[in-house]
Each structure stands twice: as C-alpha cells, then as structure tokens.
N, C-alpha and C. Protein backbone atom coordinates (compact mmCIF):
# COMPACT_ATOMS: atom_id res chain seq x y z
N MET A 1 -101.66 -44.55 67.97
CA MET A 1 -100.64 -44.18 67.02
C MET A 1 -99.41 -45.06 67.18
N LYS A 2 -99.01 -45.43 68.40
CA LYS A 2 -97.85 -46.27 68.64
C LYS A 2 -98.08 -47.69 68.13
N ILE A 3 -99.28 -48.18 68.19
CA ILE A 3 -99.58 -49.53 67.68
C ILE A 3 -99.32 -49.58 66.18
N ILE A 4 -99.75 -48.57 65.47
CA ILE A 4 -99.53 -48.50 64.03
C ILE A 4 -98.03 -48.39 63.75
N LEU A 5 -97.32 -47.61 64.53
CA LEU A 5 -95.88 -47.45 64.37
C LEU A 5 -95.17 -48.76 64.65
N LEU A 6 -95.57 -49.49 65.65
CA LEU A 6 -95.01 -50.78 65.98
C LEU A 6 -95.26 -51.75 64.83
N ARG A 7 -96.45 -51.70 64.26
CA ARG A 7 -96.77 -52.58 63.13
C ARG A 7 -95.90 -52.22 61.92
N ARG A 8 -95.66 -50.94 61.70
CA ARG A 8 -94.81 -50.54 60.58
C ARG A 8 -93.39 -51.05 60.79
N LYS A 9 -92.88 -50.95 62.05
CA LYS A 9 -91.54 -51.46 62.33
C LYS A 9 -91.49 -52.97 62.12
N LEU A 10 -92.51 -53.66 62.57
CA LEU A 10 -92.58 -55.11 62.40
C LEU A 10 -92.64 -55.47 60.92
N LEU A 11 -93.44 -54.71 60.17
CA LEU A 11 -93.52 -54.96 58.73
C LEU A 11 -92.19 -54.66 58.05
N ALA A 12 -91.49 -53.64 58.49
CA ALA A 12 -90.19 -53.30 57.92
C ALA A 12 -89.17 -54.40 58.22
N VAL A 13 -89.18 -54.92 59.42
CA VAL A 13 -88.27 -56.02 59.78
C VAL A 13 -88.58 -57.26 58.95
N LEU A 14 -89.85 -57.59 58.83
CA LEU A 14 -90.25 -58.75 58.03
C LEU A 14 -89.87 -58.56 56.57
N ALA A 15 -90.02 -57.36 56.05
CA ALA A 15 -89.64 -57.08 54.67
C ALA A 15 -88.14 -57.25 54.48
N CYS A 16 -87.35 -56.80 55.45
CA CYS A 16 -85.89 -56.97 55.37
C CYS A 16 -85.51 -58.44 55.40
N VAL A 17 -86.16 -59.21 56.26
CA VAL A 17 -85.87 -60.65 56.34
C VAL A 17 -86.24 -61.33 55.03
N LEU A 18 -87.38 -60.99 54.48
CA LEU A 18 -87.79 -61.56 53.20
C LEU A 18 -86.84 -61.16 52.07
N ALA A 19 -86.41 -59.91 52.08
CA ALA A 19 -85.48 -59.44 51.06
C ALA A 19 -84.15 -60.19 51.17
N ALA A 20 -83.67 -60.40 52.38
CA ALA A 20 -82.41 -61.13 52.58
C ALA A 20 -82.57 -62.58 52.11
N ALA A 21 -83.70 -63.20 52.41
CA ALA A 21 -83.96 -64.57 51.96
C ALA A 21 -84.04 -64.64 50.44
N ALA A 22 -84.68 -63.65 49.84
CA ALA A 22 -84.79 -63.62 48.38
C ALA A 22 -83.41 -63.46 47.74
N MET A 23 -82.57 -62.57 48.31
CA MET A 23 -81.23 -62.39 47.75
C MET A 23 -80.41 -63.68 47.89
N PHE A 24 -80.51 -64.36 49.03
CA PHE A 24 -79.80 -65.62 49.22
C PHE A 24 -80.25 -66.64 48.18
N TYR A 25 -81.53 -66.73 47.94
CA TYR A 25 -82.08 -67.67 46.96
C TYR A 25 -81.60 -67.32 45.54
N ILE A 26 -81.64 -66.04 45.20
CA ILE A 26 -81.23 -65.62 43.85
C ILE A 26 -79.75 -65.90 43.63
N VAL A 27 -78.92 -65.64 44.62
CA VAL A 27 -77.49 -65.87 44.49
C VAL A 27 -77.21 -67.36 44.32
N ASN A 28 -77.92 -68.21 45.01
CA ASN A 28 -77.70 -69.65 44.93
C ASN A 28 -78.53 -70.34 43.86
N TYR A 29 -79.48 -69.65 43.26
CA TYR A 29 -80.38 -70.25 42.26
C TYR A 29 -79.65 -70.79 41.04
N PRO A 30 -78.63 -70.10 40.49
CA PRO A 30 -77.94 -70.65 39.32
C PRO A 30 -77.37 -72.05 39.57
N GLU A 31 -76.91 -72.34 40.80
CA GLU A 31 -76.42 -73.67 41.11
C GLU A 31 -77.52 -74.70 40.98
N VAL A 32 -78.71 -74.36 41.42
CA VAL A 32 -79.84 -75.28 41.32
C VAL A 32 -80.20 -75.48 39.86
N VAL A 33 -80.23 -74.40 39.09
CA VAL A 33 -80.58 -74.50 37.67
C VAL A 33 -79.53 -75.29 36.91
N SER A 34 -78.24 -75.00 37.13
CA SER A 34 -77.20 -75.69 36.38
C SER A 34 -77.15 -77.17 36.72
N ALA A 35 -77.49 -77.53 37.93
CA ALA A 35 -77.49 -78.94 38.29
C ALA A 35 -78.63 -79.67 37.60
N ALA A 36 -79.73 -78.99 37.35
CA ALA A 36 -80.89 -79.63 36.74
C ALA A 36 -80.90 -79.51 35.22
N ALA A 37 -80.26 -78.48 34.68
CA ALA A 37 -80.31 -78.24 33.23
C ALA A 37 -79.29 -79.10 32.50
N THR A 38 -79.60 -79.46 31.26
CA THR A 38 -78.64 -80.18 30.45
C THR A 38 -77.71 -79.16 29.81
N LYS A 39 -76.47 -79.56 29.63
CA LYS A 39 -75.48 -78.67 29.04
C LYS A 39 -75.65 -78.65 27.53
N ARG A 40 -75.56 -77.46 26.92
CA ARG A 40 -75.69 -77.31 25.48
C ARG A 40 -74.51 -77.98 24.80
N GLN A 41 -74.79 -78.74 23.76
CA GLN A 41 -73.74 -79.41 23.01
C GLN A 41 -73.17 -78.47 21.96
N LEU A 42 -71.85 -78.45 21.86
CA LEU A 42 -71.17 -77.57 20.92
C LEU A 42 -70.20 -78.37 20.05
N PRO A 43 -69.98 -77.88 18.84
CA PRO A 43 -68.94 -78.51 18.01
C PRO A 43 -67.56 -78.07 18.50
N ILE A 44 -66.53 -78.66 17.93
CA ILE A 44 -65.16 -78.27 18.26
C ILE A 44 -64.82 -77.01 17.48
N TYR A 45 -64.41 -75.98 18.18
CA TYR A 45 -63.99 -74.73 17.55
C TYR A 45 -62.47 -74.64 17.46
N CYS A 46 -61.78 -75.17 18.44
CA CYS A 46 -60.33 -75.14 18.43
C CYS A 46 -59.82 -76.24 19.34
N VAL A 47 -58.53 -76.53 19.22
CA VAL A 47 -57.91 -77.60 19.98
C VAL A 47 -56.73 -77.00 20.75
N GLN A 48 -56.68 -77.25 22.04
CA GLN A 48 -55.60 -76.72 22.86
C GLN A 48 -54.29 -77.43 22.51
N ARG A 49 -53.26 -76.65 22.26
CA ARG A 49 -51.93 -77.18 21.91
C ARG A 49 -50.88 -76.48 22.74
N ASP A 50 -49.75 -77.15 22.98
CA ASP A 50 -48.64 -76.54 23.71
C ASP A 50 -47.85 -75.58 22.81
N GLN A 51 -47.81 -75.86 21.53
CA GLN A 51 -47.07 -75.02 20.60
C GLN A 51 -48.04 -74.22 19.73
N LYS A 52 -47.52 -73.15 19.16
CA LYS A 52 -48.34 -72.33 18.28
C LYS A 52 -48.52 -73.05 16.95
N MET A 53 -49.75 -73.21 16.53
CA MET A 53 -50.03 -73.76 15.21
C MET A 53 -51.44 -73.40 14.81
N VAL A 54 -51.70 -73.54 13.55
CA VAL A 54 -53.02 -73.25 13.03
C VAL A 54 -53.46 -74.45 12.20
N ALA A 55 -54.72 -74.78 12.28
CA ALA A 55 -55.30 -75.84 11.45
C ALA A 55 -56.02 -75.16 10.29
N ILE A 56 -55.59 -75.47 9.09
CA ILE A 56 -56.21 -74.86 7.91
C ILE A 56 -57.19 -75.85 7.31
N SER A 57 -58.38 -75.36 7.03
CA SER A 57 -59.38 -76.23 6.41
C SER A 57 -60.10 -75.47 5.31
N PHE A 58 -60.64 -76.24 4.39
CA PHE A 58 -61.35 -75.70 3.24
C PHE A 58 -62.68 -76.43 3.11
N ASP A 59 -63.71 -75.72 2.72
CA ASP A 59 -64.98 -76.34 2.38
C ASP A 59 -65.06 -76.44 0.87
N ALA A 60 -65.32 -77.63 0.37
CA ALA A 60 -65.46 -77.84 -1.07
C ALA A 60 -66.90 -78.22 -1.35
N ALA A 61 -67.63 -77.26 -1.92
CA ALA A 61 -69.05 -77.49 -2.17
C ALA A 61 -69.49 -77.08 -3.57
N TRP A 62 -68.73 -76.24 -4.24
CA TRP A 62 -69.22 -75.71 -5.50
C TRP A 62 -68.32 -76.11 -6.67
N GLY A 63 -67.39 -75.29 -7.09
CA GLY A 63 -66.55 -75.60 -8.24
C GLY A 63 -65.24 -76.23 -7.81
N ASN A 64 -64.43 -76.64 -8.83
CA ASN A 64 -63.12 -77.21 -8.52
C ASN A 64 -62.00 -76.58 -9.36
N GLU A 65 -62.29 -75.45 -9.98
CA GLU A 65 -61.32 -74.84 -10.90
C GLU A 65 -60.01 -74.44 -10.23
N ASP A 66 -59.99 -74.24 -8.93
CA ASP A 66 -58.78 -73.83 -8.23
C ASP A 66 -58.12 -74.97 -7.45
N THR A 67 -58.69 -76.15 -7.51
CA THR A 67 -58.22 -77.25 -6.67
C THR A 67 -56.76 -77.59 -6.92
N GLN A 68 -56.37 -77.79 -8.17
CA GLN A 68 -54.98 -78.18 -8.45
C GLN A 68 -54.01 -77.07 -8.06
N GLN A 69 -54.36 -75.83 -8.31
CA GLN A 69 -53.50 -74.72 -7.91
C GLN A 69 -53.34 -74.69 -6.39
N LEU A 70 -54.41 -74.95 -5.68
CA LEU A 70 -54.37 -74.99 -4.23
C LEU A 70 -53.48 -76.13 -3.75
N ILE A 71 -53.61 -77.30 -4.36
CA ILE A 71 -52.75 -78.44 -4.02
C ILE A 71 -51.28 -78.06 -4.23
N ASP A 72 -50.99 -77.41 -5.35
CA ASP A 72 -49.61 -77.02 -5.67
C ASP A 72 -49.06 -76.02 -4.66
N ILE A 73 -49.85 -75.02 -4.30
CA ILE A 73 -49.39 -74.00 -3.34
C ILE A 73 -49.16 -74.63 -1.96
N LEU A 74 -50.09 -75.44 -1.51
CA LEU A 74 -49.92 -76.09 -0.22
C LEU A 74 -48.70 -77.01 -0.23
N GLY A 75 -48.50 -77.72 -1.35
CA GLY A 75 -47.34 -78.60 -1.48
C GLY A 75 -46.03 -77.83 -1.49
N GLN A 76 -46.01 -76.69 -2.14
CA GLN A 76 -44.80 -75.85 -2.21
C GLN A 76 -44.32 -75.46 -0.81
N TYR A 77 -45.26 -75.22 0.09
CA TYR A 77 -44.92 -74.80 1.45
C TYR A 77 -45.03 -75.94 2.46
N GLN A 78 -45.22 -77.16 1.96
CA GLN A 78 -45.33 -78.36 2.79
C GLN A 78 -46.39 -78.19 3.88
N ILE A 79 -47.55 -77.72 3.45
CA ILE A 79 -48.68 -77.51 4.36
C ILE A 79 -49.74 -78.56 4.08
N LYS A 80 -50.21 -79.18 5.14
CA LYS A 80 -51.31 -80.14 5.03
C LYS A 80 -52.57 -79.46 5.55
N ALA A 81 -53.68 -79.71 4.90
CA ALA A 81 -54.95 -79.09 5.27
C ALA A 81 -56.04 -80.15 5.34
N THR A 82 -57.16 -79.77 5.89
CA THR A 82 -58.34 -80.62 5.92
C THR A 82 -59.36 -80.03 4.97
N PHE A 83 -59.87 -80.86 4.09
CA PHE A 83 -60.89 -80.44 3.13
C PHE A 83 -62.21 -81.08 3.51
N PHE A 84 -63.19 -80.24 3.83
CA PHE A 84 -64.54 -80.70 4.15
C PHE A 84 -65.34 -80.65 2.85
N VAL A 85 -65.68 -81.82 2.33
CA VAL A 85 -66.30 -81.90 1.01
C VAL A 85 -67.76 -82.33 1.10
N VAL A 86 -68.55 -81.78 0.20
CA VAL A 86 -69.96 -82.14 0.08
C VAL A 86 -70.06 -83.35 -0.86
N GLY A 87 -70.94 -84.27 -0.54
CA GLY A 87 -71.11 -85.47 -1.35
C GLY A 87 -71.40 -85.18 -2.81
N ASP A 88 -72.22 -84.17 -3.07
CA ASP A 88 -72.50 -83.78 -4.46
C ASP A 88 -71.21 -83.34 -5.17
N TRP A 89 -70.29 -82.67 -4.46
CA TRP A 89 -69.01 -82.26 -5.01
C TRP A 89 -68.15 -83.49 -5.31
N VAL A 90 -68.20 -84.47 -4.41
CA VAL A 90 -67.47 -85.72 -4.62
C VAL A 90 -67.96 -86.40 -5.90
N ASP A 91 -69.30 -86.41 -6.11
CA ASP A 91 -69.87 -87.00 -7.32
C ASP A 91 -69.37 -86.31 -8.58
N LYS A 92 -69.29 -84.98 -8.55
CA LYS A 92 -68.88 -84.20 -9.72
C LYS A 92 -67.39 -84.23 -9.98
N TYR A 93 -66.59 -84.28 -8.89
CA TYR A 93 -65.14 -84.13 -9.02
C TYR A 93 -64.38 -85.22 -8.27
N PRO A 94 -64.64 -86.50 -8.57
CA PRO A 94 -63.92 -87.56 -7.84
C PRO A 94 -62.41 -87.49 -8.03
N GLU A 95 -61.96 -87.02 -9.20
CA GLU A 95 -60.53 -86.90 -9.44
C GLU A 95 -59.89 -85.85 -8.53
N SER A 96 -60.64 -84.81 -8.17
CA SER A 96 -60.13 -83.80 -7.24
C SER A 96 -60.04 -84.36 -5.83
N VAL A 97 -61.01 -85.16 -5.44
CA VAL A 97 -60.97 -85.80 -4.12
C VAL A 97 -59.74 -86.69 -4.03
N LYS A 98 -59.52 -87.49 -5.07
CA LYS A 98 -58.35 -88.39 -5.10
C LYS A 98 -57.05 -87.58 -5.08
N ALA A 99 -56.98 -86.51 -5.85
CA ALA A 99 -55.77 -85.68 -5.90
C ALA A 99 -55.48 -85.06 -4.53
N LEU A 100 -56.50 -84.58 -3.85
CA LEU A 100 -56.31 -84.01 -2.51
C LEU A 100 -55.80 -85.08 -1.55
N HIS A 101 -56.42 -86.24 -1.60
CA HIS A 101 -56.01 -87.34 -0.72
C HIS A 101 -54.58 -87.79 -1.04
N ASP A 102 -54.28 -87.94 -2.31
CA ASP A 102 -52.93 -88.38 -2.72
C ASP A 102 -51.86 -87.37 -2.33
N ALA A 103 -52.23 -86.10 -2.22
CA ALA A 103 -51.29 -85.06 -1.80
C ALA A 103 -51.11 -85.03 -0.27
N GLY A 104 -51.83 -85.91 0.43
CA GLY A 104 -51.66 -86.02 1.88
C GLY A 104 -52.61 -85.19 2.71
N HIS A 105 -53.62 -84.61 2.08
CA HIS A 105 -54.60 -83.81 2.82
C HIS A 105 -55.71 -84.70 3.36
N GLU A 106 -56.30 -84.27 4.47
CA GLU A 106 -57.45 -84.99 5.03
C GLU A 106 -58.70 -84.63 4.24
N ILE A 107 -59.53 -85.63 3.98
CA ILE A 107 -60.81 -85.40 3.32
C ILE A 107 -61.89 -85.77 4.33
N MET A 108 -62.66 -84.77 4.73
CA MET A 108 -63.71 -84.97 5.73
C MET A 108 -65.06 -84.53 5.17
N ASN A 109 -66.09 -84.73 5.95
CA ASN A 109 -67.48 -84.59 5.53
C ASN A 109 -68.01 -83.17 5.73
N HIS A 110 -68.73 -82.69 4.72
CA HIS A 110 -69.43 -81.39 4.81
C HIS A 110 -70.89 -81.58 4.40
N SER A 111 -71.41 -82.79 4.57
CA SER A 111 -72.78 -83.21 4.26
C SER A 111 -72.84 -83.79 2.85
N ASN A 112 -73.93 -84.41 2.55
CA ASN A 112 -74.09 -84.98 1.21
C ASN A 112 -74.70 -83.98 0.24
N THR A 113 -75.66 -83.19 0.74
CA THR A 113 -76.40 -82.28 -0.16
C THR A 113 -76.39 -80.82 0.30
N HIS A 114 -75.63 -80.51 1.32
CA HIS A 114 -75.55 -79.15 1.89
C HIS A 114 -76.93 -78.68 2.36
N ALA A 115 -77.62 -79.55 3.07
CA ALA A 115 -78.95 -79.25 3.61
C ALA A 115 -78.84 -78.47 4.92
N HIS A 116 -79.93 -77.87 5.32
CA HIS A 116 -80.01 -77.19 6.62
C HIS A 116 -80.30 -78.25 7.68
N TYR A 117 -79.27 -78.69 8.38
CA TYR A 117 -79.43 -79.79 9.35
C TYR A 117 -80.39 -79.47 10.49
N ASN A 118 -80.48 -78.21 10.89
CA ASN A 118 -81.39 -77.86 11.99
C ASN A 118 -82.83 -78.21 11.66
N SER A 119 -83.17 -78.28 10.38
CA SER A 119 -84.56 -78.58 10.01
C SER A 119 -84.77 -80.06 9.68
N LEU A 120 -83.73 -80.87 9.81
CA LEU A 120 -83.85 -82.30 9.52
C LEU A 120 -84.02 -83.12 10.80
N SER A 121 -84.60 -84.29 10.66
CA SER A 121 -84.71 -85.21 11.79
C SER A 121 -83.37 -85.88 12.02
N THR A 122 -83.21 -86.52 13.15
CA THR A 122 -81.98 -87.24 13.46
C THR A 122 -81.69 -88.29 12.39
N GLU A 123 -82.71 -89.01 11.99
CA GLU A 123 -82.54 -90.05 10.97
C GLU A 123 -82.10 -89.46 9.63
N GLU A 124 -82.65 -88.32 9.25
CA GLU A 124 -82.27 -87.67 8.00
C GLU A 124 -80.82 -87.17 8.04
N ILE A 125 -80.41 -86.65 9.19
CA ILE A 125 -79.03 -86.19 9.34
C ILE A 125 -78.08 -87.38 9.20
N ILE A 126 -78.37 -88.46 9.91
CA ILE A 126 -77.51 -89.64 9.86
C ILE A 126 -77.42 -90.20 8.44
N ALA A 127 -78.53 -90.23 7.75
CA ALA A 127 -78.54 -90.74 6.36
C ALA A 127 -77.70 -89.84 5.46
N ASP A 128 -77.81 -88.53 5.62
CA ASP A 128 -77.07 -87.58 4.79
C ASP A 128 -75.57 -87.70 5.06
N VAL A 129 -75.20 -87.73 6.32
CA VAL A 129 -73.78 -87.84 6.69
C VAL A 129 -73.21 -89.17 6.21
N SER A 130 -73.95 -90.24 6.40
CA SER A 130 -73.48 -91.57 5.97
C SER A 130 -73.28 -91.64 4.47
N ALA A 131 -74.18 -91.04 3.70
CA ALA A 131 -74.06 -91.06 2.24
C ALA A 131 -72.77 -90.38 1.80
N CYS A 132 -72.44 -89.24 2.41
CA CYS A 132 -71.20 -88.54 2.07
C CYS A 132 -69.99 -89.35 2.52
N ASN A 133 -70.05 -89.91 3.72
CA ASN A 133 -68.94 -90.74 4.21
C ASN A 133 -68.65 -91.89 3.26
N ASP A 134 -69.72 -92.54 2.78
CA ASP A 134 -69.57 -93.67 1.86
C ASP A 134 -68.85 -93.24 0.58
N LYS A 135 -69.21 -92.08 0.05
CA LYS A 135 -68.60 -91.58 -1.19
C LYS A 135 -67.12 -91.27 -1.00
N ILE A 136 -66.80 -90.64 0.12
CA ILE A 136 -65.40 -90.29 0.41
C ILE A 136 -64.58 -91.57 0.60
N GLU A 137 -65.11 -92.50 1.37
CA GLU A 137 -64.40 -93.75 1.65
C GLU A 137 -64.17 -94.57 0.37
N ALA A 138 -65.14 -94.54 -0.55
CA ALA A 138 -65.01 -95.28 -1.80
C ALA A 138 -63.82 -94.77 -2.63
N ILE A 139 -63.52 -93.48 -2.54
CA ILE A 139 -62.42 -92.90 -3.32
C ILE A 139 -61.09 -92.94 -2.57
N THR A 140 -61.12 -92.63 -1.28
CA THR A 140 -59.87 -92.49 -0.52
C THR A 140 -59.49 -93.74 0.28
N GLY A 141 -60.46 -94.59 0.55
CA GLY A 141 -60.20 -95.74 1.42
C GLY A 141 -60.23 -95.39 2.89
N VAL A 142 -60.55 -94.14 3.21
CA VAL A 142 -60.57 -93.65 4.59
C VAL A 142 -61.97 -93.11 4.90
N ARG A 143 -62.55 -93.60 5.98
CA ARG A 143 -63.87 -93.12 6.40
C ARG A 143 -63.71 -91.86 7.24
N PRO A 144 -64.41 -90.78 6.90
CA PRO A 144 -64.29 -89.53 7.68
C PRO A 144 -64.71 -89.70 9.14
N THR A 145 -64.03 -88.96 9.99
CA THR A 145 -64.35 -88.94 11.42
C THR A 145 -64.82 -87.56 11.87
N LEU A 146 -64.70 -86.57 10.97
CA LEU A 146 -65.08 -85.19 11.27
C LEU A 146 -66.11 -84.71 10.26
N ILE A 147 -66.95 -83.78 10.69
CA ILE A 147 -67.90 -83.15 9.79
C ILE A 147 -68.01 -81.68 10.13
N ARG A 148 -68.12 -80.87 9.10
CA ARG A 148 -68.45 -79.45 9.29
C ARG A 148 -69.88 -79.30 8.79
N CYS A 149 -70.77 -78.89 9.68
CA CYS A 149 -72.18 -78.77 9.31
C CYS A 149 -72.38 -77.68 8.26
N PRO A 150 -73.26 -77.94 7.29
CA PRO A 150 -73.54 -76.93 6.27
C PRO A 150 -74.02 -75.62 6.90
N TYR A 151 -73.60 -74.52 6.34
CA TYR A 151 -73.97 -73.17 6.77
C TYR A 151 -73.50 -72.85 8.20
N GLY A 152 -72.75 -73.74 8.80
CA GLY A 152 -72.33 -73.55 10.18
C GLY A 152 -73.48 -73.70 11.17
N GLU A 153 -74.59 -74.27 10.71
CA GLU A 153 -75.78 -74.41 11.56
C GLU A 153 -75.71 -75.69 12.38
N TYR A 154 -76.06 -75.57 13.64
CA TYR A 154 -76.15 -76.74 14.50
C TYR A 154 -77.01 -76.39 15.71
N ASP A 155 -77.56 -77.43 16.31
CA ASP A 155 -78.23 -77.32 17.60
C ASP A 155 -77.96 -78.63 18.32
N ASP A 156 -78.54 -78.81 19.50
CA ASP A 156 -78.26 -80.01 20.28
C ASP A 156 -78.59 -81.30 19.53
N HIS A 157 -79.70 -81.30 18.81
CA HIS A 157 -80.08 -82.55 18.13
C HIS A 157 -79.16 -82.86 16.97
N VAL A 158 -78.62 -81.84 16.29
CA VAL A 158 -77.67 -82.05 15.20
C VAL A 158 -76.37 -82.63 15.76
N ILE A 159 -75.86 -82.02 16.81
CA ILE A 159 -74.60 -82.48 17.42
C ILE A 159 -74.77 -83.90 17.97
N ALA A 160 -75.89 -84.17 18.62
CA ALA A 160 -76.13 -85.51 19.16
C ALA A 160 -76.20 -86.56 18.05
N ALA A 161 -76.85 -86.22 16.94
CA ALA A 161 -76.95 -87.16 15.81
C ALA A 161 -75.56 -87.47 15.27
N ILE A 162 -74.74 -86.45 15.10
CA ILE A 162 -73.39 -86.64 14.56
C ILE A 162 -72.54 -87.46 15.51
N ARG A 163 -72.59 -87.14 16.79
CA ARG A 163 -71.78 -87.88 17.76
C ARG A 163 -72.27 -89.31 17.93
N SER A 164 -73.55 -89.56 17.68
CA SER A 164 -74.06 -90.93 17.77
C SER A 164 -73.43 -91.82 16.71
N MET A 165 -72.86 -91.21 15.68
CA MET A 165 -72.19 -91.94 14.60
C MET A 165 -70.70 -92.11 14.88
N GLY A 166 -70.23 -91.62 16.02
CA GLY A 166 -68.81 -91.69 16.35
C GLY A 166 -67.98 -90.63 15.65
N MET A 167 -68.63 -89.58 15.20
CA MET A 167 -67.95 -88.48 14.51
C MET A 167 -67.94 -87.24 15.40
N GLU A 168 -67.07 -86.31 15.07
CA GLU A 168 -67.02 -85.04 15.79
C GLU A 168 -67.36 -83.90 14.84
N PRO A 169 -68.25 -83.00 15.26
CA PRO A 169 -68.54 -81.81 14.46
C PRO A 169 -67.47 -80.74 14.67
N ILE A 170 -67.04 -80.13 13.59
CA ILE A 170 -65.99 -79.11 13.61
C ILE A 170 -66.59 -77.79 13.11
N GLN A 171 -66.27 -76.72 13.78
CA GLN A 171 -66.71 -75.40 13.36
C GLN A 171 -65.47 -74.55 13.12
N TRP A 172 -65.56 -73.57 12.27
CA TRP A 172 -64.40 -72.71 12.05
C TRP A 172 -64.29 -71.70 13.18
N ASP A 173 -63.05 -71.21 13.36
CA ASP A 173 -62.76 -70.24 14.41
C ASP A 173 -61.62 -69.37 13.91
N VAL A 174 -61.88 -68.12 13.67
CA VAL A 174 -60.84 -67.22 13.18
C VAL A 174 -60.23 -66.41 14.31
N ASP A 175 -60.53 -66.76 15.56
CA ASP A 175 -60.02 -66.00 16.69
C ASP A 175 -59.33 -66.94 17.67
N GLY A 176 -58.33 -67.67 17.21
CA GLY A 176 -57.57 -68.52 18.12
C GLY A 176 -56.76 -67.63 19.04
N SER A 177 -56.87 -67.84 20.33
CA SER A 177 -56.16 -66.95 21.25
C SER A 177 -55.13 -67.74 22.06
N GLN A 178 -54.01 -67.11 22.33
CA GLN A 178 -52.92 -67.74 23.05
C GLN A 178 -53.06 -67.42 24.53
N THR A 179 -52.79 -68.43 25.38
CA THR A 179 -52.73 -68.20 26.82
C THR A 179 -51.31 -68.52 27.26
N ALA A 180 -51.04 -68.33 28.53
CA ALA A 180 -49.68 -68.54 29.03
C ALA A 180 -49.26 -70.01 28.90
N SER A 181 -50.19 -70.96 29.07
CA SER A 181 -49.78 -72.36 29.10
C SER A 181 -50.18 -73.15 27.86
N SER A 182 -51.03 -72.62 27.02
CA SER A 182 -51.43 -73.41 25.86
C SER A 182 -51.83 -72.50 24.71
N TYR A 183 -51.98 -73.11 23.55
CA TYR A 183 -52.37 -72.35 22.36
C TYR A 183 -53.58 -73.04 21.74
N CYS A 184 -54.56 -72.25 21.38
CA CYS A 184 -55.76 -72.79 20.75
C CYS A 184 -55.56 -72.69 19.24
N ALA A 185 -55.43 -73.82 18.58
CA ALA A 185 -55.26 -73.84 17.13
C ALA A 185 -56.63 -73.72 16.48
N PRO A 186 -56.93 -72.58 15.85
CA PRO A 186 -58.26 -72.39 15.29
C PRO A 186 -58.51 -73.28 14.08
N MET A 187 -59.74 -73.65 13.90
CA MET A 187 -60.14 -74.45 12.75
C MET A 187 -60.61 -73.47 11.68
N ASP A 188 -59.64 -72.77 11.04
CA ASP A 188 -59.96 -71.78 10.01
C ASP A 188 -60.52 -72.45 8.77
N SER A 189 -61.31 -71.72 8.05
CA SER A 189 -61.95 -72.30 6.87
C SER A 189 -61.93 -71.34 5.71
N VAL A 190 -61.69 -71.89 4.55
CA VAL A 190 -61.79 -71.15 3.31
C VAL A 190 -62.75 -71.93 2.42
N ARG A 191 -63.67 -71.24 1.79
CA ARG A 191 -64.62 -71.92 0.93
C ARG A 191 -64.21 -71.74 -0.53
N PHE A 192 -64.31 -72.82 -1.30
CA PHE A 192 -64.06 -72.70 -2.73
C PHE A 192 -65.04 -73.55 -3.48
C-alpha cells in the first residue's frame, strides 16, 4: 500500500512540475508568437496632434447636387476639407472637382470604380488607383497621395498594394480621443 502511495506522491509532484512548466510556457508564448508573426497592416485612422483639431473629409461617389452649397458653407467658415473622389465621379463632374480644388480643398482618391478591393489582385488595385489618380491630376495638377478604400474594406494585401505606390490609406474615425499630451484628429467622413 505504501508503494502505491509513494507513486501517487511522485506522480503528484511530477504533475505539479509539468503544470508549472506549462504555465511558464503559456505566459511567455505570446512573445515567441509576436516575434515570428507579421504585424497586421492598418490604414491611418487619426493623426496625433498637440492641439485640438478635426480633419473633415467627404466621399464623393454619387451625385453632385450639393457640391456648390458645400463649397459655399465651408468657405463661409474658412474650413478646408479633404474630398475623396471616385474616378467615375470625376468623369461625370469634372467642373465640381475643379471647383473644390480652386476653393482650396484637397482632392484625394476613393478608387476609380468603387470596387471591393479585398476581392481584387494587387495588380488590379494598383491599376484602379492609378486610373483615378490620373483623372484627378489631369484636372487639378496635383497627384493624390491619400486614398480611402471603397466600402472601408481593406486587408494586408490591399494596404501593401496602396503603400507600394507611395500612397497612404485613410480610414474614417468618429471617435477621436484626447490624451494628456496629444490629440488624435479623427479622419471624419461624410458621403454625398
């Protein structure tokens, strides 16, 4: 009977040692995983600033019936905004693109055809973005450096394709939060 009891004590000690080793491994495992894993690529949601400010942006993809009124209101309050335009919108309303640019607003890329970028190849994304950039540059004389992905969809391959062109992907953020030392200016968006 004592031999069995001794074996149970030995098994209990071995189980405790194994449990302690397992806990040590589990606690340190995230370091091993993070060192080996690639970091997920994200678009810019906000920009850290020392002063409180907000970045206002608009997506232009459908109609333009409110464009001049919007230009007038922004001008009345001396507000500059960024307009993310779709290439098809540029084709339909080149005079609106020029008016926005002439009023001092930034004109940036929102794709050429408003496609679902997650389902496109890298080459298709680059071609779509380039086509829209070409249209904007032809009207404004300025080549876009920012893009807002259609539908807000992105994954690592979409972000990598955009950054390979020297551009930065921008996402909207309606929850800019203030900290003691800096302010995150959200990239708010209004669609028209």
